[in-house]
């Protein structure tokens, strides 16, 4: 038995929290993967700002599925001290917003350099994250992102097997694997035992982000496999459809079709595509 819970990067609708919640309500979604809110990145909120956001979410019946943090999205040769401090602050933000999940990365590798030359430093830095998170109950989710150490399935696997930490898991993003030339089915099969969170994002042969099911990310196949395996967790919509050329021709309910080109409309396209795949 599986249970998919749909969440979303609502900052792609608008940076204003009220607008985010208004639009998500029309799609009957009550979870947000919080990344940008009220003009700020979630990791830059003060604790008081986070508490106020939590109050607003509770009033409207919303919950946070994960912190969509930028932690680990710095160069591997950049200073790490400030980044570790930001991570410790993000742990506090996550507690206030009442989520167990923090999305993270494994550092940008210099162009034309061998990522494996930096593996020990990646492990050292992630070890510091783990040490800071001990006892917090947080799950640290590594996302595959192009140009970081863990952008391929093989390096994601090497990272997680080397860390050997039961609260380090993977966020699986099909579009990001497509964009680095990876077969998503092969990547999924290699990593499936460590996947704890799914980003719903697809890409075409050229690497352009398209609605789920319209690219070569095999999103439907992966969702069906997750369902068969009894996956219970979040599917987080990350539309990234600002450059999608088929927006005006996409079939939508009248209430969404009549919207002007906007974050709300691109989000409606992404939501409709996911709903179709989940039937």
Protein backbone atom coordinates (compact mmCIF):
# COMPACT_ATOMS: atom_id res chain seq x y z
CA UNK A 1 0.00 0.00 0.00
CA UNK A 2 1.41 3.40 -0.95
CA UNK A 3 0.40 6.92 -0.08
CA UNK A 4 1.51 9.88 -2.17
CA UNK A 5 1.22 13.28 -0.52
CA UNK A 6 1.44 16.15 -2.99
CA UNK A 7 3.46 19.18 -1.95
CA UNK A 8 4.90 22.08 -3.93
CA UNK A 9 7.53 24.77 -4.25
CA UNK A 10 4.93 27.50 -3.86
CA UNK A 11 7.42 30.32 -4.48
CA UNK A 12 7.05 29.51 -8.18
CA UNK A 13 3.50 30.81 -7.83
CA UNK A 14 4.52 33.98 -6.00
CA UNK A 15 6.89 34.98 -3.20
CA UNK A 16 3.98 36.21 -1.06
CA UNK A 17 2.83 33.55 1.41
CA UNK A 18 -0.85 34.52 1.28
CA UNK A 19 -0.86 34.26 -2.52
CA UNK A 20 0.89 30.91 -2.31
CA UNK A 21 -1.75 29.54 0.03
CA UNK A 22 -4.63 31.04 -1.98
CA UNK A 23 -3.49 29.28 -5.16
CA UNK A 24 -2.66 25.99 -3.46
CA UNK A 25 -6.12 25.99 -1.92
CA UNK A 26 -7.66 26.01 -5.40
CA UNK A 27 -5.68 22.82 -6.13
CA UNK A 28 -6.63 21.25 -2.79
CA UNK A 29 -2.98 21.09 -1.71
CA UNK A 30 -2.06 21.71 1.92
CA UNK A 31 1.71 21.14 1.94
CA UNK A 32 4.51 23.51 0.92
CA UNK A 33 8.17 22.72 0.34
CA UNK A 34 9.26 26.09 1.61
CA UNK A 35 12.08 27.74 -0.33
CA UNK A 36 11.15 31.37 -1.02
CA UNK A 37 8.61 33.20 1.12
CA UNK A 38 7.76 36.88 1.57
CA UNK A 39 10.75 37.97 -0.48
CA UNK A 40 13.35 35.84 1.31
CA UNK A 41 14.96 32.45 1.13
CA UNK A 42 13.65 30.31 3.96
CA UNK A 43 17.17 29.82 5.39
CA UNK A 44 17.54 33.59 5.75
CA UNK A 45 14.44 34.04 7.90
CA UNK A 46 14.93 35.15 11.47
CA UNK A 47 13.47 32.84 14.09
CA UNK A 48 10.76 35.42 14.82
CA UNK A 49 9.86 35.61 11.13
CA UNK A 50 9.67 31.82 11.00
CA UNK A 51 7.34 31.78 14.01
CA UNK A 52 5.04 34.32 12.35
CA UNK A 53 4.98 32.28 9.12
CA UNK A 54 4.14 29.17 11.14
CA UNK A 55 1.16 31.00 12.69
CA UNK A 56 -0.10 32.05 9.25
CA UNK A 57 0.24 28.48 7.95
CA UNK A 58 -1.65 27.05 10.92
CA UNK A 59 -4.52 29.51 10.52
CA UNK A 60 -5.00 28.31 6.94
CA UNK A 61 -4.41 24.61 7.68
CA UNK A 62 -1.10 24.34 5.81
CA UNK A 63 1.98 22.32 6.72
CA UNK A 64 5.59 22.36 5.54
CA UNK A 65 6.72 19.15 3.83
CA UNK A 66 10.39 20.16 3.71
CA UNK A 67 12.76 23.08 3.94
CA UNK A 68 13.93 23.73 0.37
CA UNK A 69 17.22 25.09 1.60
CA UNK A 70 20.24 26.14 -0.49
CA UNK A 71 22.62 24.42 1.95
CA UNK A 72 25.56 22.91 0.06
CA UNK A 73 24.97 25.08 -3.01
CA UNK A 74 28.35 26.79 -2.75
CA UNK A 75 31.65 26.01 -4.40
CA UNK A 76 33.60 23.16 -2.86
CA UNK A 77 36.59 25.51 -2.62
CA UNK A 78 34.57 28.28 -0.93
CA UNK A 79 34.84 28.91 2.79
CA UNK A 80 32.64 26.50 4.73
CA UNK A 81 32.34 28.19 8.14
CA UNK A 82 29.50 30.55 7.22
CA UNK A 83 27.71 27.77 5.37
CA UNK A 84 27.81 25.52 8.45
CA UNK A 85 26.44 28.37 10.56
CA UNK A 86 23.61 28.81 8.04
CA UNK A 87 22.87 25.10 8.27
CA UNK A 88 22.64 25.26 12.06
CA UNK A 89 20.24 28.19 11.71
CA UNK A 90 18.22 26.21 9.15
CA UNK A 91 17.87 23.39 11.67
CA UNK A 92 16.17 25.87 14.01
CA UNK A 93 13.93 27.12 11.20
CA UNK A 94 12.90 23.53 10.41
CA UNK A 95 11.97 22.93 14.06
CA UNK A 96 9.80 26.03 14.15
CA UNK A 97 8.08 25.13 10.87
CA UNK A 98 7.54 21.60 12.16
CA UNK A 99 9.12 19.59 9.37
CA UNK A 100 11.56 16.69 9.54
CA UNK A 101 13.08 17.24 6.09
CA UNK A 102 15.82 19.62 4.92
CA UNK A 103 16.78 19.57 1.22
CA UNK A 104 20.55 19.96 0.68
CA UNK A 105 23.35 19.68 -1.91
CA UNK A 106 26.94 18.48 -2.23
CA UNK A 107 28.79 21.57 -3.48
CA UNK A 108 29.59 22.90 -6.93
CA UNK A 109 32.71 21.43 -8.48
CA UNK A 110 35.07 23.71 -10.46
CA UNK A 111 34.56 23.47 -14.19
CA UNK A 112 36.88 21.03 -15.95
CA UNK A 113 37.94 19.47 -12.64
CA UNK A 114 37.43 15.83 -11.66
CA UNK A 115 34.67 15.64 -9.01
CA UNK A 116 36.41 12.67 -7.40
CA UNK A 117 39.35 14.88 -6.52
CA UNK A 118 37.01 16.62 -4.07
CA UNK A 119 35.29 13.58 -2.61
CA UNK A 120 37.11 13.64 0.74
CA UNK A 121 36.25 17.32 1.22
CA UNK A 122 32.59 16.65 0.37
CA UNK A 123 32.52 13.89 2.99
CA UNK A 124 34.25 16.11 5.56
CA UNK A 125 31.69 18.87 5.08
CA UNK A 126 28.72 16.53 5.12
CA UNK A 127 30.17 14.97 8.26
CA UNK A 128 29.95 18.42 9.88
CA UNK A 129 26.29 18.70 8.82
CA UNK A 130 25.58 15.30 10.32
CA UNK A 131 27.33 16.17 13.58
CA UNK A 132 25.27 19.38 13.86
CA UNK A 133 22.02 17.48 13.19
CA UNK A 134 22.54 14.64 15.68
CA UNK A 135 19.62 14.46 18.09
CA UNK A 136 17.41 16.91 16.17
CA UNK A 137 15.26 14.27 14.49
CA UNK A 138 15.87 15.88 11.10
CA UNK A 139 16.26 13.94 7.86
CA UNK A 140 18.93 15.49 5.61
CA UNK A 141 17.86 15.04 1.98
CA UNK A 142 20.59 15.19 -0.64
CA UNK A 143 19.23 16.34 -4.00
CA UNK A 144 20.91 15.46 -7.28
CA UNK A 145 21.66 18.80 -8.93
CA UNK A 146 23.75 19.45 -12.03
CA UNK A 147 27.36 20.56 -11.48
CA UNK A 148 27.53 19.50 -7.82
CA UNK A 149 29.46 16.43 -6.67
CA UNK A 150 26.30 14.33 -6.42
CA UNK A 151 24.88 15.11 -9.85
CA UNK A 152 25.08 11.54 -11.15
CA UNK A 153 23.46 8.47 -9.64
CA UNK A 154 26.80 6.75 -9.09
CA UNK A 155 28.19 9.64 -7.07
CA UNK A 156 24.92 10.00 -5.11
CA UNK A 157 25.23 6.34 -4.17
CA UNK A 158 28.92 6.67 -3.25
CA UNK A 159 28.13 9.68 -1.07
CA UNK A 160 25.31 8.07 0.88
CA UNK A 161 27.06 4.71 1.28
CA UNK A 162 30.21 6.41 2.55
CA UNK A 163 28.35 8.59 5.05
CA UNK A 164 26.46 5.57 6.46
CA UNK A 165 24.05 7.79 8.36
CA UNK A 166 20.48 6.65 8.95
CA UNK A 167 19.14 10.21 8.77
CA UNK A 168 20.79 11.07 5.44
CA UNK A 169 18.49 10.16 2.55
CA UNK A 170 17.94 11.18 -1.06
CA UNK A 171 15.59 13.51 -2.87
CA UNK A 172 15.14 12.10 -6.38
CA UNK A 173 14.73 14.70 -9.15
CA UNK A 174 14.18 13.14 -12.60
CA UNK A 175 14.71 16.37 -14.59
CA UNK A 176 18.06 17.02 -12.94
CA UNK A 177 19.25 13.55 -13.94
CA UNK A 178 18.09 14.12 -17.52
CA UNK A 179 20.06 17.38 -17.59
CA UNK A 180 23.32 15.57 -16.80
CA UNK A 181 22.69 12.81 -19.35
CA UNK A 182 21.55 10.13 -16.92
CA UNK A 183 18.94 7.48 -17.69
CA UNK A 184 16.37 8.07 -14.95
CA UNK A 185 15.24 4.45 -14.73
CA UNK A 186 18.81 3.29 -14.19
CA UNK A 187 19.34 6.06 -11.63
CA UNK A 188 16.15 5.13 -9.81
CA UNK A 189 17.03 1.44 -9.68
CA UNK A 190 20.48 2.24 -8.31
CA UNK A 191 19.20 4.62 -5.63
CA UNK A 192 15.69 3.40 -4.77
CA UNK A 193 16.60 2.00 -1.35
CA UNK A 194 17.74 5.46 -0.21
CA UNK A 195 15.01 7.64 -1.74
CA UNK A 196 12.84 9.41 0.86
CA UNK A 197 11.42 12.30 -1.16
CA UNK A 198 10.49 12.95 -4.80
CA UNK A 199 10.62 16.13 -6.85
CA UNK A 200 8.12 16.18 -9.69
CA UNK A 201 10.03 17.77 -12.53
CA UNK A 202 10.59 16.45 -16.07
CA UNK A 203 12.88 17.49 -18.94
CA UNK A 204 13.06 16.90 -22.65
CA UNK A 205 15.98 15.64 -24.73
CA UNK A 206 17.50 19.13 -24.83
CA UNK A 207 17.27 19.48 -21.06
CA UNK A 208 14.38 21.94 -21.08
CA UNK A 209 12.01 21.53 -18.14
CA UNK A 210 8.53 20.40 -19.24
CA UNK A 211 5.39 19.21 -17.41
CA UNK A 212 5.69 15.79 -15.79
CA UNK A 213 5.14 13.07 -18.37
CA UNK A 214 6.04 15.30 -21.33
CA UNK A 215 9.77 14.68 -21.19
CA UNK A 216 12.16 11.74 -21.07
CA UNK A 217 12.39 11.52 -17.28
CA UNK A 218 10.14 8.44 -17.10
CA UNK A 219 8.13 10.08 -14.33
CA UNK A 220 5.10 7.83 -14.81
CA UNK A 221 7.22 4.66 -14.70
CA UNK A 222 8.98 5.83 -11.55
CA UNK A 223 5.72 6.77 -9.84
CA UNK A 224 4.22 3.39 -10.70
CA UNK A 225 7.29 1.64 -9.29
CA UNK A 226 7.15 3.73 -6.11
CA UNK A 227 3.49 2.82 -5.73
CA UNK A 228 4.27 -0.87 -6.21
CA UNK A 229 7.03 -0.66 -3.60
CA UNK A 230 4.68 0.96 -1.08
CA UNK A 231 6.37 4.36 -1.01
CA UNK A 232 4.70 6.61 1.54
CA UNK A 233 5.84 10.17 1.24
CA UNK A 234 5.88 13.43 -0.65
CA UNK A 235 5.72 14.22 -4.34
CA UNK A 236 6.84 17.83 -4.48
CA UNK A 237 5.89 19.84 -7.56
CA UNK A 238 8.73 22.02 -8.83
CA UNK A 239 7.28 23.44 -12.06
CA UNK A 240 10.18 25.51 -13.52
CA UNK A 241 7.94 26.12 -16.55
CA UNK A 242 8.79 29.77 -17.22
CA UNK A 243 10.19 28.85 -20.65
CA UNK A 244 7.64 26.12 -21.49
CA UNK A 245 6.44 26.87 -25.04
CA UNK A 246 3.18 24.91 -24.86
CA UNK A 247 1.63 26.85 -22.00
CA UNK A 248 -1.23 28.40 -23.97
CA UNK A 249 -2.18 25.10 -25.63
CA UNK A 250 -2.15 22.99 -22.49
CA UNK A 251 -5.55 21.58 -21.50
CA UNK A 252 -6.75 23.10 -18.24
CA UNK A 253 -10.03 23.64 -16.44
CA UNK A 254 -11.63 26.93 -17.48
CA UNK A 255 -10.78 28.61 -14.17
CA UNK A 256 -7.05 28.07 -14.88
CA UNK A 257 -7.10 28.39 -18.68
CA UNK A 258 -8.38 31.95 -18.37
CA UNK A 259 -5.51 33.00 -16.12
CA UNK A 260 -2.94 35.35 -17.68
CA UNK A 261 0.57 33.91 -18.17
CA UNK A 262 1.81 33.86 -14.59
CA UNK A 263 3.22 31.72 -11.85
CA UNK A 264 -0.31 30.64 -10.99
CA UNK A 265 -0.89 29.44 -14.56
CA UNK A 266 2.40 27.58 -14.94
CA UNK A 267 1.71 25.98 -11.58
CA UNK A 268 -1.74 24.91 -12.83
CA UNK A 269 -0.09 23.25 -15.83
CA UNK A 270 2.36 21.38 -13.60
CA UNK A 271 -0.40 20.29 -11.22
CA UNK A 272 -2.64 19.08 -14.05
CA UNK A 273 0.21 17.06 -15.55
CA UNK A 274 0.94 15.34 -12.22
CA UNK A 275 -2.76 14.64 -11.62
CA UNK A 276 -2.93 12.92 -15.02
CA UNK A 277 0.05 10.68 -14.17
CA UNK A 278 -1.45 9.72 -10.81
CA UNK A 279 -4.72 8.40 -12.28
